[in-house]
C-alpha cells in the first residue's frame, strides 16, 4: 500500500512537472510570436527615433554655432554665451548617447525587465540642465547690445525649447513601455 502511494506521488509530480514545462514553453512561444509580430512596427518606430536622434544632434550643433557667432560679436555677455554653448554641446553628446542606448535595448529585455532606467535617468538629468541653461540665456538676452543679437538669441532659445520638447516626448514614450517585471526592476534601480 505504501509503495503504491509513493508511485502515485511520483507519477503525480511527473505529470505536474510536464504540465509546468509545457505551460512555460507555451508562454515563451507566445512572447516570441508577440515580439516577432511587432517587428515591422518596431522597425518603423526605431527608424523614426534614429532620425529624431540625428535631427537633435544637428539642431544642437546649429544652436551651438549660432551662439558662438553671437558670443564673438557681443562684448559683455559674450563669454557667458560661449560657456553655455560649450556646456550645451557636451550635453548634446550625452543626450545622443543615452538616446542611442535606450533605442538599441533588446525588445525582449525591455518586455521582461522594462526600459533602460539608467539612461532614462541620465536623459532626465540632461533635460533639467538644459532648462537651466535656457533660463540663463533668457536672462542674457536682456543684456544683448544689439537688436540683431537679441533676436538671434531669442530664436535660438526657441529652437532649443522645441528640441527639449522632442526629447521629453521620447522620454515619456520610453518610460511607459509595458514590461512583465519592470516594477521589480524599478525597486532596485533607485
N, C-alpha and C. Protein backbone atom coordinates (compact mmCIF):
# COMPACT_ATOMS: atom_id res chain seq x y z
N UNK A 1 0.82 -1.18 0.00
CA UNK A 1 0.00 0.00 0.00
C UNK A 1 0.87 1.27 0.00
N UNK A 2 1.91 1.23 0.81
CA UNK A 2 2.80 2.38 0.90
C UNK A 2 3.57 2.58 -0.40
N UNK A 3 3.99 1.51 -1.05
CA UNK A 3 4.70 1.60 -2.32
C UNK A 3 3.77 2.15 -3.40
N UNK A 4 2.54 1.79 -3.34
CA UNK A 4 1.57 2.28 -4.31
C UNK A 4 1.38 3.79 -4.14
N UNK A 5 1.34 4.24 -2.92
CA UNK A 5 1.20 5.67 -2.64
C UNK A 5 2.43 6.45 -3.13
N UNK A 6 3.60 5.88 -2.93
CA UNK A 6 4.82 6.54 -3.39
C UNK A 6 4.85 6.63 -4.92
N UNK A 7 4.45 5.55 -5.58
CA UNK A 7 4.41 5.56 -7.04
C UNK A 7 3.40 6.59 -7.54
N UNK A 8 2.29 6.67 -6.84
CA UNK A 8 1.26 7.64 -7.22
C UNK A 8 1.78 9.07 -7.05
N UNK A 9 2.51 9.33 -5.96
CA UNK A 9 3.10 10.66 -5.74
C UNK A 9 4.12 10.99 -6.82
N UNK A 10 4.96 10.01 -7.14
CA UNK A 10 5.99 10.23 -8.16
C UNK A 10 5.34 10.50 -9.51
N UNK A 11 4.32 9.72 -9.84
CA UNK A 11 3.61 9.92 -11.10
C UNK A 11 2.93 11.29 -11.13
N UNK A 12 2.36 11.68 -10.01
CA UNK A 12 1.69 12.99 -9.93
C UNK A 12 2.71 14.12 -10.11
N UNK A 13 3.85 14.00 -9.46
CA UNK A 13 4.90 15.01 -9.61
C UNK A 13 5.40 15.08 -11.05
N UNK A 14 5.53 13.92 -11.67
CA UNK A 14 5.97 13.88 -13.05
C UNK A 14 4.97 14.58 -13.97
N UNK A 15 3.70 14.32 -13.76
CA UNK A 15 2.66 14.93 -14.59
C UNK A 15 2.61 16.44 -14.35
N UNK A 16 2.71 16.87 -13.11
CA UNK A 16 2.71 18.30 -12.80
C UNK A 16 3.92 18.97 -13.43
N UNK A 17 5.07 18.31 -13.38
CA UNK A 17 6.29 18.85 -13.99
C UNK A 17 6.11 19.00 -15.49
N UNK A 18 5.54 18.00 -16.13
CA UNK A 18 5.30 18.08 -17.57
C UNK A 18 4.35 19.23 -17.92
N UNK A 19 3.32 19.39 -17.13
CA UNK A 19 2.36 20.47 -17.37
C UNK A 19 3.06 21.83 -17.23
N UNK A 20 3.88 21.98 -16.20
CA UNK A 20 4.60 23.24 -15.99
C UNK A 20 5.58 23.52 -17.13
N UNK A 21 6.29 22.51 -17.58
CA UNK A 21 7.22 22.69 -18.70
C UNK A 21 6.45 23.08 -19.95
N UNK A 22 5.34 22.42 -20.19
CA UNK A 22 4.52 22.75 -21.36
C UNK A 22 3.99 24.18 -21.26
N UNK A 23 3.51 24.58 -20.10
CA UNK A 23 2.97 25.93 -19.91
C UNK A 23 4.07 26.97 -20.11
N UNK A 24 5.24 26.71 -19.56
CA UNK A 24 6.35 27.65 -19.72
C UNK A 24 6.77 27.75 -21.18
N UNK A 25 6.83 26.62 -21.87
CA UNK A 25 7.19 26.62 -23.29
C UNK A 25 6.16 27.40 -24.10
N UNK A 26 4.90 27.21 -23.78
CA UNK A 26 3.84 27.94 -24.46
C UNK A 26 3.98 29.44 -24.22
N UNK A 27 4.30 29.81 -22.99
CA UNK A 27 4.49 31.22 -22.65
C UNK A 27 5.64 31.82 -23.45
N UNK A 28 6.76 31.14 -23.50
CA UNK A 28 7.92 31.63 -24.26
C UNK A 28 7.58 31.74 -25.74
N UNK A 29 6.88 30.76 -26.27
CA UNK A 29 6.49 30.81 -27.68
C UNK A 29 5.55 31.98 -27.94
N UNK A 30 4.65 32.25 -27.01
CA UNK A 30 3.72 33.37 -27.16
C UNK A 30 4.46 34.70 -27.15
N UNK A 31 5.40 34.83 -26.25
CA UNK A 31 6.18 36.06 -26.16
C UNK A 31 6.99 36.26 -27.44
N UNK A 32 7.59 35.19 -27.93
CA UNK A 32 8.37 35.28 -29.17
C UNK A 32 7.48 35.66 -30.35
N UNK A 33 6.31 35.07 -30.42
CA UNK A 33 5.38 35.39 -31.50
C UNK A 33 4.92 36.84 -31.39
N UNK A 34 4.68 37.29 -30.18
CA UNK A 34 4.27 38.68 -29.96
C UNK A 34 5.37 39.62 -30.43
N UNK A 35 6.61 39.33 -30.04
CA UNK A 35 7.74 40.18 -30.42
C UNK A 35 7.96 40.13 -31.93
N UNK A 36 7.83 38.96 -32.54
CA UNK A 36 8.03 38.85 -33.98
C UNK A 36 6.92 39.56 -34.75
N UNK A 37 5.72 39.51 -34.24
CA UNK A 37 4.59 40.17 -34.91
C UNK A 37 4.71 41.68 -34.88
N UNK A 38 5.41 42.19 -33.92
CA UNK A 38 5.55 43.64 -33.77
C UNK A 38 6.79 44.18 -34.45
N UNK A 39 7.61 43.32 -35.06
CA UNK A 39 8.87 43.76 -35.66
C UNK A 39 8.71 44.86 -36.69
N UNK A 40 7.70 44.76 -37.55
CA UNK A 40 7.53 45.79 -38.58
C UNK A 40 7.26 47.15 -37.96
N UNK A 41 6.36 47.18 -36.99
CA UNK A 41 6.06 48.44 -36.32
C UNK A 41 7.26 48.94 -35.53
N UNK A 42 7.99 48.03 -34.93
CA UNK A 42 9.16 48.41 -34.14
C UNK A 42 10.22 48.99 -35.05
N UNK A 43 10.45 48.35 -36.21
CA UNK A 43 11.45 48.86 -37.15
C UNK A 43 11.11 50.28 -37.59
N UNK A 44 9.84 50.51 -37.92
CA UNK A 44 9.43 51.85 -38.33
C UNK A 44 9.64 52.84 -37.20
N UNK A 45 9.30 52.43 -35.98
CA UNK A 45 9.48 53.29 -34.82
C UNK A 45 10.94 53.57 -34.56
N UNK A 46 11.79 52.55 -34.69
CA UNK A 46 13.23 52.74 -34.47
C UNK A 46 13.83 53.66 -35.51
N UNK A 47 13.39 53.53 -36.77
CA UNK A 47 13.90 54.41 -37.81
C UNK A 47 13.51 55.86 -37.52
N UNK A 48 12.27 56.05 -37.07
CA UNK A 48 11.82 57.41 -36.75
C UNK A 48 12.61 57.95 -35.56
N UNK A 49 12.84 57.11 -34.55
CA UNK A 49 13.59 57.57 -33.38
C UNK A 49 15.05 57.84 -33.74
N UNK A 50 15.64 57.02 -34.61
CA UNK A 50 17.01 57.27 -35.04
C UNK A 50 17.10 58.59 -35.78
N UNK A 51 16.09 58.86 -36.59
CA UNK A 51 16.04 60.12 -37.31
C UNK A 51 15.93 61.27 -36.31
N UNK A 52 15.14 61.07 -35.26
CA UNK A 52 14.99 62.10 -34.23
C UNK A 52 16.32 62.38 -33.52
N UNK A 53 17.08 61.33 -33.26
CA UNK A 53 18.38 61.50 -32.60
C UNK A 53 19.31 62.32 -33.49
N UNK A 54 19.35 61.98 -34.77
CA UNK A 54 20.21 62.72 -35.70
C UNK A 54 19.74 64.16 -35.87
N UNK A 55 18.43 64.36 -35.91
CA UNK A 55 17.90 65.73 -36.00
C UNK A 55 18.27 66.53 -34.76
N UNK A 56 18.22 65.88 -33.60
CA UNK A 56 18.60 66.57 -32.36
C UNK A 56 20.07 66.96 -32.41
N UNK A 57 20.90 66.03 -32.83
CA UNK A 57 22.33 66.32 -32.92
C UNK A 57 22.58 67.51 -33.85
N UNK A 58 21.90 67.51 -34.99
CA UNK A 58 22.06 68.59 -35.97
C UNK A 58 21.54 69.92 -35.42
N UNK A 59 20.38 69.89 -34.79
CA UNK A 59 19.79 71.12 -34.25
C UNK A 59 20.67 71.72 -33.16
N UNK A 60 21.21 70.87 -32.30
CA UNK A 60 22.07 71.38 -31.23
C UNK A 60 23.38 71.92 -31.81
N UNK A 61 23.88 71.26 -32.83
CA UNK A 61 25.10 71.75 -33.48
C UNK A 61 24.87 73.14 -34.07
N UNK A 62 23.74 73.32 -34.75
CA UNK A 62 23.40 74.64 -35.29
C UNK A 62 23.22 75.66 -34.18
N UNK A 63 22.59 75.23 -33.10
CA UNK A 63 22.38 76.10 -31.94
C UNK A 63 23.71 76.58 -31.38
N UNK A 64 24.63 75.65 -31.20
CA UNK A 64 25.95 75.98 -30.64
C UNK A 64 26.70 76.93 -31.57
N UNK A 65 26.68 76.65 -32.87
CA UNK A 65 27.37 77.52 -33.82
C UNK A 65 26.80 78.93 -33.81
N UNK A 66 25.49 79.02 -33.74
CA UNK A 66 24.84 80.32 -33.71
C UNK A 66 25.20 81.08 -32.43
N UNK A 67 25.19 80.38 -31.31
CA UNK A 67 25.56 81.03 -30.05
C UNK A 67 27.01 81.50 -30.07
N UNK A 68 27.87 80.69 -30.64
CA UNK A 68 29.28 81.09 -30.70
C UNK A 68 29.47 82.32 -31.59
N UNK A 69 28.69 82.41 -32.66
CA UNK A 69 28.81 83.60 -33.52
C UNK A 69 28.29 84.84 -32.79
N UNK A 70 27.23 84.69 -32.00
CA UNK A 70 26.73 85.81 -31.20
C UNK A 70 27.76 86.18 -30.14
N UNK A 71 28.37 85.17 -29.53
CA UNK A 71 29.37 85.42 -28.49
C UNK A 71 30.56 86.19 -29.04
N UNK A 72 30.92 85.92 -30.29
CA UNK A 72 32.05 86.64 -30.90
C UNK A 72 31.71 88.11 -31.13
N UNK A 73 30.44 88.40 -31.41
CA UNK A 73 30.02 89.78 -31.66
C UNK A 73 29.77 90.55 -30.37
N UNK A 74 29.30 89.85 -29.35
CA UNK A 74 28.93 90.50 -28.09
C UNK A 74 30.16 90.69 -27.21
N UNK A 75 30.23 91.81 -26.56
CA UNK A 75 31.35 92.06 -25.67
C UNK A 75 31.06 91.60 -24.26
N UNK A 76 30.05 92.18 -23.62
CA UNK A 76 29.78 91.93 -22.20
C UNK A 76 29.31 90.53 -21.89
N UNK A 77 28.38 90.02 -22.68
CA UNK A 77 27.82 88.71 -22.37
C UNK A 77 28.43 87.60 -23.22
N UNK A 78 29.37 87.96 -24.06
CA UNK A 78 29.96 87.00 -25.00
C UNK A 78 30.55 85.77 -24.33
N UNK A 79 31.29 85.98 -23.26
CA UNK A 79 31.94 84.84 -22.59
C UNK A 79 30.90 83.93 -21.93
N UNK A 80 29.87 84.52 -21.35
CA UNK A 80 28.81 83.71 -20.73
C UNK A 80 28.07 82.88 -21.78
N UNK A 81 27.82 83.49 -22.92
CA UNK A 81 27.15 82.78 -24.01
C UNK A 81 28.04 81.65 -24.52
N UNK A 82 29.33 81.91 -24.61
CA UNK A 82 30.28 80.90 -25.07
C UNK A 82 30.30 79.69 -24.11
N UNK A 83 30.27 79.96 -22.81
CA UNK A 83 30.27 78.88 -21.81
C UNK A 83 29.00 78.04 -21.95
N UNK A 84 27.87 78.71 -22.11
CA UNK A 84 26.60 77.99 -22.28
C UNK A 84 26.64 77.14 -23.54
N UNK A 85 27.21 77.67 -24.61
CA UNK A 85 27.30 76.92 -25.87
C UNK A 85 28.15 75.67 -25.69
N UNK A 86 29.28 75.80 -25.00
CA UNK A 86 30.15 74.64 -24.76
C UNK A 86 29.44 73.58 -23.90
N UNK A 87 28.77 74.05 -22.85
CA UNK A 87 28.06 73.11 -21.98
C UNK A 87 26.95 72.39 -22.74
N UNK A 88 26.25 73.12 -23.59
CA UNK A 88 25.16 72.50 -24.35
C UNK A 88 25.71 71.51 -25.37
N UNK A 89 26.85 71.79 -25.92
CA UNK A 89 27.48 70.87 -26.85
C UNK A 89 27.84 69.56 -26.15
N UNK A 90 28.39 69.65 -24.94
CA UNK A 90 28.71 68.45 -24.17
C UNK A 90 27.44 67.71 -23.78
N UNK A 91 26.43 68.45 -23.41
CA UNK A 91 25.15 67.86 -23.04
C UNK A 91 24.53 67.12 -24.22
N UNK A 92 24.69 67.66 -25.40
CA UNK A 92 24.12 67.03 -26.59
C UNK A 92 24.74 65.66 -26.83
N UNK A 93 26.05 65.55 -26.63
CA UNK A 93 26.67 64.24 -26.85
C UNK A 93 26.20 63.23 -25.81
N UNK A 94 26.02 63.67 -24.57
CA UNK A 94 25.49 62.78 -23.53
C UNK A 94 24.06 62.37 -23.86
N UNK A 95 23.27 63.32 -24.31
CA UNK A 95 21.87 63.05 -24.66
C UNK A 95 21.77 62.07 -25.82
N UNK A 96 22.55 62.30 -26.85
CA UNK A 96 22.52 61.41 -28.02
C UNK A 96 22.98 60.01 -27.63
N UNK A 97 23.99 59.92 -26.78
CA UNK A 97 24.48 58.62 -26.33
C UNK A 97 23.39 57.88 -25.55
N UNK A 98 22.74 58.58 -24.62
CA UNK A 98 21.67 57.95 -23.82
C UNK A 98 20.50 57.52 -24.70
N UNK A 99 20.13 58.37 -25.64
CA UNK A 99 19.02 58.03 -26.54
C UNK A 99 19.37 56.81 -27.39
N UNK A 100 20.61 56.75 -27.84
CA UNK A 100 21.05 55.60 -28.62
C UNK A 100 21.01 54.31 -27.82
N UNK A 101 21.45 54.38 -26.57
CA UNK A 101 21.42 53.20 -25.69
C UNK A 101 19.98 52.74 -25.44
N UNK A 102 19.10 53.70 -25.24
CA UNK A 102 17.69 53.37 -24.99
C UNK A 102 17.09 52.71 -26.22
N UNK A 103 17.40 53.24 -27.39
CA UNK A 103 16.85 52.68 -28.63
C UNK A 103 17.41 51.31 -28.95
N UNK A 104 18.66 51.08 -28.62
CA UNK A 104 19.29 49.82 -29.01
C UNK A 104 19.03 48.69 -28.01
N UNK A 105 18.30 48.97 -26.96
CA UNK A 105 17.99 47.94 -25.97
C UNK A 105 17.15 46.84 -26.62
N UNK A 106 17.46 45.62 -26.31
CA UNK A 106 16.76 44.46 -26.86
C UNK A 106 15.27 44.52 -26.51
N UNK A 107 14.44 44.20 -27.48
CA UNK A 107 12.99 44.24 -27.27
C UNK A 107 12.55 43.19 -26.24
N UNK A 108 13.20 42.05 -26.27
CA UNK A 108 12.87 41.00 -25.29
C UNK A 108 13.25 41.47 -23.89
N UNK A 109 14.41 42.07 -23.77
CA UNK A 109 14.86 42.59 -22.47
C UNK A 109 13.89 43.66 -21.97
N UNK A 110 13.46 44.53 -22.87
CA UNK A 110 12.50 45.57 -22.49
C UNK A 110 11.17 44.94 -22.09
N UNK A 111 10.74 43.92 -22.81
CA UNK A 111 9.48 43.26 -22.49
C UNK A 111 9.51 42.65 -21.10
N UNK A 112 10.61 42.00 -20.75
CA UNK A 112 10.68 41.35 -19.45
C UNK A 112 11.05 42.30 -18.31
N UNK A 113 12.05 43.16 -18.52
CA UNK A 113 12.60 43.95 -17.42
C UNK A 113 12.32 45.44 -17.51
N UNK A 114 11.70 45.89 -18.57
CA UNK A 114 11.37 47.30 -18.69
C UNK A 114 12.43 48.07 -19.44
N UNK A 115 12.23 49.36 -19.49
CA UNK A 115 13.12 50.25 -20.22
C UNK A 115 14.47 50.37 -19.53
N UNK A 116 15.38 51.03 -20.20
CA UNK A 116 16.73 51.26 -19.67
C UNK A 116 16.66 52.45 -18.70
N UNK A 117 16.35 52.16 -17.45
CA UNK A 117 16.09 53.21 -16.47
C UNK A 117 17.32 54.06 -16.17
N UNK A 118 18.49 53.47 -16.30
CA UNK A 118 19.73 54.23 -16.05
C UNK A 118 19.88 55.36 -17.07
N UNK A 119 19.73 55.03 -18.34
CA UNK A 119 19.86 56.05 -19.38
C UNK A 119 18.67 56.99 -19.42
N UNK A 120 17.50 56.52 -19.03
CA UNK A 120 16.35 57.42 -18.92
C UNK A 120 16.61 58.46 -17.84
N UNK A 121 17.24 58.04 -16.75
CA UNK A 121 17.61 58.97 -15.69
C UNK A 121 18.64 59.98 -16.16
N UNK A 122 19.61 59.52 -16.93
CA UNK A 122 20.63 60.43 -17.48
C UNK A 122 19.97 61.44 -18.41
N UNK A 123 19.01 60.99 -19.17
CA UNK A 123 18.29 61.88 -20.08
C UNK A 123 17.49 62.92 -19.30
N UNK A 124 16.83 62.49 -18.23
CA UNK A 124 16.10 63.43 -17.37
C UNK A 124 17.03 64.48 -16.79
N UNK A 125 18.20 64.05 -16.37
CA UNK A 125 19.19 64.97 -15.81
C UNK A 125 19.63 66.00 -16.84
N UNK A 126 19.87 65.55 -18.06
CA UNK A 126 20.27 66.48 -19.13
C UNK A 126 19.15 67.46 -19.46
N UNK A 127 17.92 67.02 -19.38
CA UNK A 127 16.79 67.92 -19.63
C UNK A 127 16.77 69.03 -18.60
N UNK A 128 16.99 68.68 -17.35
CA UNK A 128 16.99 69.69 -16.27
C UNK A 128 18.14 70.68 -16.47
N UNK A 129 19.32 70.16 -16.80
CA UNK A 129 20.47 71.05 -17.01
C UNK A 129 20.24 71.98 -18.20
N UNK A 130 19.62 71.46 -19.25
CA UNK A 130 19.35 72.29 -20.42
C UNK A 130 18.31 73.36 -20.08
N UNK A 131 17.33 73.02 -19.28
CA UNK A 131 16.35 74.03 -18.86
C UNK A 131 17.03 75.15 -18.07
N UNK A 132 17.99 74.78 -17.25
CA UNK A 132 18.75 75.80 -16.50
C UNK A 132 19.54 76.70 -17.46
N UNK A 133 20.13 76.10 -18.47
CA UNK A 133 20.87 76.91 -19.46
C UNK A 133 19.93 77.82 -20.23
N UNK A 134 18.75 77.32 -20.55
CA UNK A 134 17.76 78.15 -21.24
C UNK A 134 17.36 79.35 -20.38
N UNK A 135 17.20 79.12 -19.10
CA UNK A 135 16.88 80.24 -18.19
C UNK A 135 18.02 81.26 -18.16
N UNK A 136 19.25 80.77 -18.15
CA UNK A 136 20.40 81.69 -18.17
C UNK A 136 20.41 82.50 -19.47
N UNK A 137 20.14 81.82 -20.58
CA UNK A 137 20.11 82.53 -21.86
C UNK A 137 19.00 83.57 -21.91
N UNK A 138 17.84 83.23 -21.34
CA UNK A 138 16.74 84.20 -21.30
C UNK A 138 17.17 85.47 -20.57
N UNK A 139 17.93 85.31 -19.50
CA UNK A 139 18.41 86.47 -18.75
C UNK A 139 19.46 87.25 -19.56
N UNK A 140 20.30 86.51 -20.30
CA UNK A 140 21.34 87.17 -21.09
C UNK A 140 20.77 87.91 -22.29
N UNK A 141 19.63 87.47 -22.80
CA UNK A 141 19.01 88.13 -23.95
C UNK A 141 18.75 89.60 -23.62
N UNK A 142 18.33 89.86 -22.41
CA UNK A 142 18.02 91.23 -21.99
C UNK A 142 19.26 92.13 -22.03
N UNK A 143 20.44 91.54 -21.85
CA UNK A 143 21.67 92.32 -21.81
C UNK A 143 22.40 92.40 -23.15
N UNK A 144 21.81 91.82 -24.19
CA UNK A 144 22.46 91.87 -25.51
C UNK A 144 22.56 93.32 -25.98
N UNK A 145 23.65 93.63 -26.67
CA UNK A 145 23.93 95.01 -27.07
C UNK A 145 23.14 95.45 -28.29
N UNK A 146 22.88 94.54 -29.21
CA UNK A 146 22.18 94.94 -30.44
C UNK A 146 20.87 94.18 -30.57
N UNK A 147 19.96 94.76 -31.33
CA UNK A 147 18.66 94.13 -31.56
C UNK A 147 18.83 92.84 -32.36
N UNK A 148 19.80 92.82 -33.26
CA UNK A 148 20.05 91.62 -34.07
C UNK A 148 20.48 90.46 -33.18
N UNK A 149 21.38 90.74 -32.24
CA UNK A 149 21.84 89.69 -31.33
C UNK A 149 20.71 89.23 -30.41
N UNK A 150 19.89 90.17 -29.96
CA UNK A 150 18.74 89.80 -29.13
C UNK A 150 17.81 88.86 -29.89
N UNK A 151 17.52 89.23 -31.13
CA UNK A 151 16.62 88.41 -31.95
C UNK A 151 17.23 87.03 -32.20
N UNK A 152 18.52 87.00 -32.47
CA UNK A 152 19.20 85.72 -32.72
C UNK A 152 19.18 84.84 -31.47
N UNK A 153 19.46 85.43 -30.33
CA UNK A 153 19.44 84.66 -29.08
C UNK A 153 18.03 84.14 -28.78
N UNK A 154 17.02 84.98 -28.97
CA UNK A 154 15.64 84.55 -28.73
C UNK A 154 15.25 83.42 -29.68
N UNK A 155 15.67 83.53 -30.92
CA UNK A 155 15.39 82.49 -31.91
C UNK A 155 16.04 81.17 -31.50
N UNK A 156 17.28 81.23 -31.04
CA UNK A 156 17.99 80.01 -30.64
C UNK A 156 17.39 79.41 -29.37
N UNK A 157 16.93 80.25 -28.47
CA UNK A 157 16.27 79.75 -27.26
C UNK A 157 15.00 78.99 -27.65
N UNK A 158 14.23 79.54 -28.57
CA UNK A 158 13.01 78.87 -29.04
C UNK A 158 13.34 77.53 -29.71
N UNK A 159 14.38 77.52 -30.51
CA UNK A 159 14.79 76.29 -31.19
C UNK A 159 15.16 75.21 -30.17
N UNK A 160 15.92 75.60 -29.17
CA UNK A 160 16.33 74.62 -28.16
C UNK A 160 15.14 74.15 -27.32
N UNK A 161 14.19 75.03 -27.07
CA UNK A 161 12.98 74.62 -26.34
C UNK A 161 12.20 73.57 -27.14
N UNK A 162 12.14 73.75 -28.44
CA UNK A 162 11.46 72.77 -29.29
C UNK A 162 12.18 71.42 -29.24
N UNK A 163 13.49 71.46 -29.26
CA UNK A 163 14.27 70.22 -29.16
C UNK A 163 14.03 69.54 -27.81
N UNK A 164 13.92 70.34 -26.77
CA UNK A 164 13.66 69.79 -25.44
C UNK A 164 12.30 69.10 -25.40
N UNK A 165 11.32 69.66 -26.08
CA UNK A 165 10.00 69.04 -26.12
C UNK A 165 10.07 67.68 -26.83
N UNK A 166 10.85 67.61 -27.89
CA UNK A 166 11.01 66.33 -28.60
C UNK A 166 11.66 65.29 -27.70
N UNK A 167 12.68 65.70 -26.97
CA UNK A 167 13.36 64.77 -26.07
C UNK A 167 12.42 64.34 -24.95
N UNK A 168 11.63 65.26 -24.45
CA UNK A 168 10.66 64.94 -23.41
C UNK A 168 9.64 63.92 -23.92
N UNK A 169 9.20 64.08 -25.16
CA UNK A 169 8.28 63.12 -25.77
C UNK A 169 8.94 61.75 -25.89
N UNK A 170 10.18 61.73 -26.33
CA UNK A 170 10.95 60.48 -26.44
C UNK A 170 11.06 59.81 -25.07
N UNK A 171 11.35 60.61 -24.06
CA UNK A 171 11.50 60.10 -22.70
C UNK A 171 10.20 59.47 -22.21
N UNK A 172 9.10 60.17 -22.39
CA UNK A 172 7.81 59.65 -21.93
C UNK A 172 7.41 58.39 -22.68
N UNK A 173 7.69 58.34 -23.97
CA UNK A 173 7.36 57.15 -24.76
C UNK A 173 8.14 55.94 -24.28
N UNK A 174 9.37 56.14 -23.88
CA UNK A 174 10.20 55.02 -23.45
C UNK A 174 10.01 54.67 -21.98
N UNK A 175 9.54 55.59 -21.20
CA UNK A 175 9.26 55.29 -19.79
C UNK A 175 8.01 54.43 -19.66
N UNK A 176 7.08 54.60 -20.56
CA UNK A 176 5.78 53.95 -20.44
C UNK A 176 5.65 52.65 -21.22
N UNK A 177 6.76 52.02 -21.53
CA UNK A 177 6.69 50.75 -22.26
C UNK A 177 6.29 49.63 -21.29
N UNK A 178 5.47 48.72 -21.80
CA UNK A 178 5.00 47.61 -20.98
C UNK A 178 6.13 46.63 -20.70
N UNK A 179 6.14 46.09 -19.48
CA UNK A 179 7.08 45.03 -19.15
C UNK A 179 6.48 44.15 -18.06
N UNK A 180 6.92 42.90 -18.05
CA UNK A 180 6.41 41.97 -17.06
C UNK A 180 6.98 42.24 -15.67
N UNK A 181 8.28 42.46 -15.61
CA UNK A 181 8.93 42.62 -14.31
C UNK A 181 9.54 44.00 -14.13
N UNK A 182 9.07 44.98 -14.89
CA UNK A 182 9.61 46.33 -14.79
C UNK A 182 9.42 46.92 -13.41
N UNK A 183 8.29 46.63 -12.80
CA UNK A 183 8.03 47.14 -11.45
C UNK A 183 9.08 46.63 -10.48
N UNK A 184 9.51 45.38 -10.68
CA UNK A 184 10.51 44.78 -9.80
C UNK A 184 11.88 45.41 -10.05
N UNK A 185 12.19 45.66 -11.31
CA UNK A 185 13.46 46.28 -11.68
C UNK A 185 13.54 47.70 -11.13
N UNK A 186 12.43 48.42 -11.17
CA UNK A 186 12.41 49.80 -10.66
C UNK A 186 12.74 49.85 -9.17
N UNK A 187 12.37 48.82 -8.43
CA UNK A 187 12.65 48.79 -7.00
C UNK A 187 14.16 48.87 -6.73
N UNK A 188 14.94 48.24 -7.60
CA UNK A 188 16.38 48.17 -7.38
C UNK A 188 17.17 49.21 -8.15
N UNK A 189 16.52 49.94 -9.05
CA UNK A 189 17.26 50.93 -9.84
C UNK A 189 17.29 52.30 -9.17
N UNK A 190 16.58 52.47 -8.08
CA UNK A 190 16.55 53.77 -7.41
C UNK A 190 17.67 53.92 -6.42
